[in-house]
C-alpha atoms as a PDB file:
ATOM      1  CA  MET A   1     -51.066   9.780  45.408  1.00  0.00           C
ATOM      2  CA  THR A   2     -52.832   9.392  42.083  1.00  0.00           C
ATOM      3  CA  TYR A   3     -51.302   8.294  38.807  1.00  0.00           C
ATOM      4  CA  PRO A   4     -52.445   9.315  35.361  1.00  0.00           C
ATOM      5  CA  GLU A   5     -54.418   6.663  33.592  1.00  0.00           C
ATOM      6  CA  THR A   6     -52.762   4.938  30.739  1.00  0.00           C
ATOM      7  CA  ASN A   7     -54.561   4.406  27.506  1.00  0.00           C
ATOM      8  CA  PRO A   8     -54.003   0.793  26.354  1.00  0.00           C
ATOM      9  CA  ALA A   9     -54.728   1.869  22.768  1.00  0.00           C
ATOM     10  CA  VAL A  10     -51.577   4.006  22.771  1.00  0.00           C
ATOM     11  CA  ILE A  11     -48.463   1.885  22.543  1.00  0.00           C
ATOM     12  CA  GLU A  12     -45.161   3.622  23.008  1.00  0.00           C
ATOM     13  CA  VAL A  13     -42.288   2.243  20.989  1.00  0.00           C
ATOM     14  CA  TYR A  14     -38.698   2.921  21.962  1.00  0.00           C
ATOM     15  CA  GLU A  15     -35.334   2.013  20.518  1.00  0.00           C
ATOM     16  CA  ASP A  16     -32.803   0.393  22.822  1.00  0.00           C
ATOM     17  CA  TYR A  17     -29.554   2.323  22.445  1.00  0.00           C
ATOM     18  CA  PHE A  18     -27.655   0.159  24.923  1.00  0.00           C
ATOM     19  CA  GLY A  19     -26.070  -2.646  23.021  1.00  0.00           C
ATOM     20  CA  PHE A  20     -25.226  -2.222  19.396  1.00  0.00           C
ATOM     21  CA  GLY A  21     -24.196  -5.334  17.608  1.00  0.00           C
ATOM     22  CA  SER A  22     -24.417  -6.837  14.203  1.00  0.00           C
ATOM     23  CA  ASN A  23     -22.483  -9.680  12.640  1.00  0.00           C
ATOM     24  CA  GLU A  24     -21.586 -10.225   9.007  1.00  0.00           C
ATOM     25  CA  ARG A  25     -20.028 -13.123   7.161  1.00  0.00           C
ATOM     26  CA  TRP A  26     -17.142 -12.923   4.738  1.00  0.00           C
ATOM     27  CA  TYR A  27     -16.954 -15.971   2.503  1.00  0.00           C
ATOM     28  CA  PHE A  28     -13.803 -17.605   1.182  1.00  0.00           C
ATOM     29  CA  PRO A  29     -13.615 -18.188  -2.582  1.00  0.00           C
ATOM     30  CA  ASP A  30     -15.097 -21.709  -2.229  1.00  0.00           C
ATOM     31  CA  GLY A  31     -18.381 -20.130  -1.096  1.00  0.00           C
ATOM     32  CA  LYS A  32     -18.697 -22.651   1.764  1.00  0.00           C
ATOM     33  CA  GLN A  33     -16.208 -21.573   4.392  1.00  0.00           C
ATOM     34  CA  TYR A  34     -16.553 -18.183   6.037  1.00  0.00           C
ATOM     35  CA  ILE A  35     -15.340 -15.860   8.748  1.00  0.00           C
ATOM     36  CA  GLU A  36     -17.895 -14.093  10.896  1.00  0.00           C
ATOM     37  CA  PHE A  37     -17.061 -10.626  12.135  1.00  0.00           C
ATOM     38  CA  GLN A  38     -18.821  -8.097  14.295  1.00  0.00           C
ATOM     39  CA  ILE A  39     -19.425  -4.528  13.248  1.00  0.00           C
ATOM     40  CA  MET A  40     -17.637  -2.589  15.960  1.00  0.00           C
ATOM     41  CA  ASN A  41     -19.553  -0.864  18.711  1.00  0.00           C
ATOM     42  CA  GLU A  42     -18.100   2.242  20.367  1.00  0.00           C
ATOM     43  CA  GLY A  43     -16.212   0.248  23.005  1.00  0.00           C
ATOM     44  CA  GLN A  44     -14.553  -1.937  20.377  1.00  0.00           C
ATOM     45  CA  ARG A  45     -13.760   1.112  18.252  1.00  0.00           C
ATOM     46  CA  ARG A  46     -12.106   2.748  21.276  1.00  0.00           C
ATOM     47  CA  GLU A  47      -9.990  -0.345  21.985  1.00  0.00           C
ATOM     48  CA  PHE A  48      -8.972  -0.649  18.335  1.00  0.00           C
ATOM     49  CA  GLN A  49      -8.007   3.019  18.131  1.00  0.00           C
ATOM     50  CA  LYS A  50      -6.037   2.789  21.402  1.00  0.00           C
ATOM     51  CA  LYS A  51      -4.064  -0.180  20.084  1.00  0.00           C
ATOM     52  CA  THR A  52      -3.355   1.462  16.734  1.00  0.00           C
ATOM     53  CA  ASN A  53      -2.609   4.983  17.923  1.00  0.00           C
ATOM     54  CA  ARG A  54       0.070   6.627  15.778  1.00  0.00           C
ATOM     55  CA  ASP A  55       2.849   8.681  17.317  1.00  0.00           C
ATOM     56  CA  ILE A  56       3.539  12.066  15.743  1.00  0.00           C
ATOM     57  CA  THR A  57       6.936  13.641  16.433  1.00  0.00           C
ATOM     58  CA  PHE A  58       7.787  17.236  15.534  1.00  0.00           C
ATOM     59  CA  ASN A  59      11.351  18.479  15.226  1.00  0.00           C
ATOM     60  CA  ARG A  60      11.323  22.226  15.909  1.00  0.00           C
ATOM     61  CA  GLY A  61      14.816  22.698  14.540  1.00  0.00           C
ATOM     62  CA  THR A  62      14.054  21.280  11.108  1.00  0.00           C
ATOM     63  CA  ASN A  63      10.246  21.659  11.104  1.00  0.00           C
ATOM     64  CA  ASP A  64      10.025  17.977  10.181  1.00  0.00           C
ATOM     65  CA  ALA A  65       7.158  15.809  11.285  1.00  0.00           C
ATOM     66  CA  LYS A  66       7.387  12.054  11.689  1.00  0.00           C
ATOM     67  CA  ILE A  67       4.406   9.719  11.950  1.00  0.00           C
ATOM     68  CA  LYS A  68       4.980   6.199  13.176  1.00  0.00           C
ATOM     69  CA  ALA A  69       2.584   3.880  11.362  1.00  0.00           C
ATOM     70  CA  ASP A  70       2.488   0.097  11.247  1.00  0.00           C
ATOM     71  CA  PRO A  71      -0.138  -1.059   8.734  1.00  0.00           C
ATOM     72  CA  ALA A  72       0.541  -4.737   9.441  1.00  0.00           C
ATOM     73  CA  GLU A  73      -0.086  -4.311  13.151  1.00  0.00           C
ATOM     74  CA  GLU A  74      -3.209  -2.238  12.451  1.00  0.00           C
ATOM     75  CA  ARG A  75      -4.559  -4.916  10.082  1.00  0.00           C
ATOM     76  CA  TRP A  76      -4.049  -7.664  12.694  1.00  0.00           C
ATOM     77  CA  HIS A  77      -5.666  -5.608  15.456  1.00  0.00           C
ATOM     78  CA  LEU A  78      -8.614  -4.861  13.185  1.00  0.00           C
ATOM     79  CA  ILE A  79      -9.144  -8.529  12.362  1.00  0.00           C
ATOM     80  CA  ILE A  80      -8.573  -9.803  15.899  1.00  0.00           C
ATOM     81  CA  THR A  81     -10.918  -7.157  17.335  1.00  0.00           C
ATOM     82  CA  SER A  82     -13.674  -7.847  14.810  1.00  0.00           C
ATOM     83  CA  VAL A  83     -13.656 -11.588  14.083  1.00  0.00           C
ATOM     84  CA  VAL A  84     -16.008 -13.554  16.331  1.00  0.00           C
ATOM     85  CA  GLY A  85     -16.212 -16.956  14.660  1.00  0.00           C
ATOM     86  CA  TRP A  86     -15.795 -19.025  11.536  1.00  0.00           C
ATOM     87  CA  ASN A  87     -16.671 -22.109   9.583  1.00  0.00           C
ATOM     88  CA  LEU A  88     -13.220 -23.252   8.524  1.00  0.00           C
ATOM     89  CA  LYS A  89     -11.836 -26.671   7.647  1.00  0.00           C
ATOM     90  CA  ARG A  90      -8.246 -27.993   7.734  1.00  0.00           C
ATOM     91  CA  ARG A  91      -6.836 -30.903   5.767  1.00  0.00           C
ATOM     92  CA  GLN A  92      -5.872 -33.779   8.034  1.00  0.00           C
ATOM     93  CA  PRO A  93      -2.897 -36.143   7.492  1.00  0.00           C
ATOM     94  CA  ASP A  94      -5.234 -38.753   5.972  1.00  0.00           C
ATOM     95  CA  GLY A  95      -6.473 -36.223   3.377  1.00  0.00           C
ATOM     96  CA  THR A  96      -9.888 -35.628   4.925  1.00  0.00           C
ATOM     97  CA  PHE A  97     -11.071 -32.244   6.161  1.00  0.00           C
ATOM     98  CA  ALA A  98     -12.060 -31.487   9.750  1.00  0.00           C
ATOM     99  CA  ASP A  99     -13.557 -28.420  11.430  1.00  0.00           C
ATOM    100  CA  VAL A 100     -11.115 -25.974  13.011  1.00  0.00           C
ATOM    101  CA  THR A 101     -12.431 -24.790  16.351  1.00  0.00           C
ATOM    102  CA  PHE A 102     -12.427 -21.000  16.498  1.00  0.00           C
ATOM    103  CA  SER A 103     -10.403 -19.343  19.254  1.00  0.00           C
ATOM    104  CA  LYS A 104      -8.910 -15.901  19.753  1.00  0.00           C
ATOM    105  CA  GLY A 105      -7.445 -13.777  22.485  1.00  0.00           C
ATOM    106  CA  THR A 106      -4.368 -15.839  23.229  1.00  0.00           C
ATOM    107  CA  ALA A 107      -0.992 -15.805  21.520  1.00  0.00           C
ATOM    108  CA  GLY A 108      -1.491 -19.323  20.151  1.00  0.00           C
ATOM    109  CA  SER A 109      -5.131 -18.918  19.179  1.00  0.00           C
ATOM    110  CA  GLU A 110      -6.444 -20.498  15.995  1.00  0.00           C
ATOM    111  CA  LEU A 111      -7.218 -17.057  14.567  1.00  0.00           C
ATOM    112  CA  GLU A 112      -3.595 -15.955  15.013  1.00  0.00           C
ATOM    113  CA  LYS A 113      -2.325 -19.280  13.637  1.00  0.00           C
ATOM    114  CA  TRP A 114      -4.477 -18.772  10.545  1.00  0.00           C
ATOM    115  CA  LEU A 115      -3.308 -15.173  10.124  1.00  0.00           C
ATOM    116  CA  ARG A 116       0.344 -16.282  10.202  1.00  0.00           C
ATOM    117  CA  VAL A 117      -0.077 -18.746   7.309  1.00  0.00           C
ATOM    118  CA  ALA A 118      -2.999 -17.269   5.347  1.00  0.00           C
ATOM    119  CA  ASN A 119      -2.813 -16.084   1.774  1.00  0.00           C
ATOM    120  CA  PRO A 120      -2.221 -12.299   2.060  1.00  0.00           C
ATOM    121  CA  LYS A 121      -4.841 -11.629  -0.615  1.00  0.00           C
ATOM    122  CA  LEU A 122      -7.483 -13.352   1.511  1.00  0.00           C
ATOM    123  CA  VAL A 123      -6.422 -11.337   4.553  1.00  0.00           C
ATOM    124  CA  ASP A 124      -6.611  -8.132   2.470  1.00  0.00           C
ATOM    125  CA  ASP A 125     -10.099  -9.067   1.267  1.00  0.00           C
ATOM    126  CA  LEU A 126     -11.234  -9.792   4.833  1.00  0.00           C
ATOM    127  CA  GLU A 127      -9.751  -6.500   6.035  1.00  0.00           C
ATOM    128  CA  PHE A 128     -11.578  -4.646   3.241  1.00  0.00           C
ATOM    129  CA  ALA A 129     -14.900  -6.290   4.171  1.00  0.00           C
ATOM    130  CA  ILE A 130     -14.459  -5.319   7.839  1.00  0.00           C
ATOM    131  CA  ARG A 131     -13.548  -1.727   6.953  1.00  0.00           C
ATOM    132  CA  LYS A 132     -16.502  -1.507   4.565  1.00  0.00           C
ATOM    133  CA  ALA A 133     -18.881  -2.723   7.294  1.00  0.00           C
ATOM    134  CA  ASN A 134     -17.618  -0.027   9.698  1.00  0.00           C
ATOM    135  CA  PRO A 135     -18.462   3.309   8.031  1.00  0.00           C
ATOM    136  CA  TRP A 136     -16.489   5.335  10.585  1.00  0.00           C
ATOM    137  CA  MET A 137     -13.309   3.686   9.225  1.00  0.00           C
ATOM    138  CA  GLN A 138     -14.015   4.880   5.703  1.00  0.00           C
ATOM    139  CA  ALA A 139     -14.130   8.460   6.968  1.00  0.00           C
ATOM    140  CA  GLU A 140     -10.508   8.034   8.068  1.00  0.00           C
ATOM    141  CA  MET A 141      -9.290   6.957   4.617  1.00  0.00           C
ATOM    142  CA  THR A 142      -6.970   9.305   2.804  1.00  0.00           C
ATOM    143  CA  VAL A 143      -7.206  10.096  -0.897  1.00  0.00           C
ATOM    144  CA  GLU A 144      -4.010   8.081  -1.400  1.00  0.00           C
ATOM    145  CA  GLU A 145      -5.572   5.007   0.275  1.00  0.00           C
ATOM    146  CA  ILE A 146      -8.686   5.347  -1.878  1.00  0.00           C
ATOM    147  CA  GLU A 147      -6.525   5.622  -5.017  1.00  0.00           C
ATOM    148  CA  LYS A 148      -4.605   2.476  -3.992  1.00  0.00           C
ATOM    149  CA  GLU A 149      -7.911   0.672  -3.511  1.00  0.00           C
ATOM    150  CA  GLU A 150      -9.097   1.857  -6.935  1.00  0.00           C
ATOM    151  CA  ALA A 151      -5.878   0.513  -8.504  1.00  0.00           C
ATOM    152  CA  ARG A 152      -6.304  -2.796  -6.663  1.00  0.00           C
ATOM    153  CA  LEU A 153      -9.882  -3.105  -7.911  1.00  0.00           C
ATOM    154  CA  ALA A 154      -8.874  -2.226 -11.496  1.00  0.00           C
ATOM    155  CA  GLU A 155      -6.195  -4.935 -11.396  1.00  0.00           C
ATOM    156  CA  LEU A 156      -8.652  -7.417  -9.924  1.00  0.00           C
ATOM    157  CA  LYS A 157     -11.178  -6.555 -12.643  1.00  0.00           C
ATOM    158  CA  GLN A 158      -8.532  -7.162 -15.327  1.00  0.00           C
ATOM    159  CA  GLN A 159      -7.661 -10.558 -13.826  1.00  0.00           C
ATOM    160  CA  VAL A 160     -11.323 -11.590 -13.746  1.00  0.00           C
ATOM    161  CA  LEU A 161     -11.841 -10.451 -17.344  1.00  0.00           C
ATOM    162  CA  GLU A 162      -8.785 -12.458 -18.441  1.00  0.00           C
ATOM    163  CA  ARG A 163      -9.954 -15.499 -16.517  1.00  0.00           C
ATOM    164  CA  GLU A 164     -13.425 -15.273 -18.068  1.00  0.00           C
ATOM    165  CA  ARG A 165     -11.843 -15.091 -21.540  1.00  0.00           C
ATOM    166  CA  GLY A 166      -9.563 -18.017 -20.661  1.00  0.00           C
ATOM    167  CA  GLU A 167      -6.432 -15.868 -20.937  1.00  0.00           C
ATOM    168  CA  GLY A 168      -5.256 -15.922 -17.323  1.00  0.00           C
ATOM    169  CA  SER A 169      -2.239 -18.020 -16.407  1.00  0.00           C
ATOM    170  CA  SER A 170      -2.620 -20.816 -13.894  1.00  0.00           C
ATOM    171  CA  SER A 171      -0.561 -18.814 -11.393  1.00  0.00           C
ATOM    172  CA  SER A 172      -3.161 -16.022 -11.330  1.00  0.00           C
ATOM    173  CA  ARG A 173      -6.027 -18.342 -10.507  1.00  0.00           C
END
């Protein structure tokens, strides 16, 4: 059996389509601490969508449709599915700060503990960063969701402008 000769001057370059993965960091306002999250691959997307599947019920008698949606549960599943690590500190009883070891996947994990006590604005910002990094999620946004996001950004812009002018109250900082 003979084989065709290969020309060493011709180098074939291929892409590896088995194993998509890319991590991004979302920084807390101090610019030092961060959460690292993974852009979802197809398997993670499938798991996320399975966990956040919405039931649709039709009533033939009244022609009403009912969609069961739980945005809080969806937000938690999104974060728990995507977050893969962090650089986070916790104040100790003596006033010093110590690293918080990252863990997830169990009911008492550090990620879930943080989510239970975190500032909702920070969680919203993290959720937005994860959704932005996963373009397929943006395709699922409704016009109403986009309008809500526009309103949120306009309000945030106003707060920043007030803060920069020194007009913001201490409660908005």
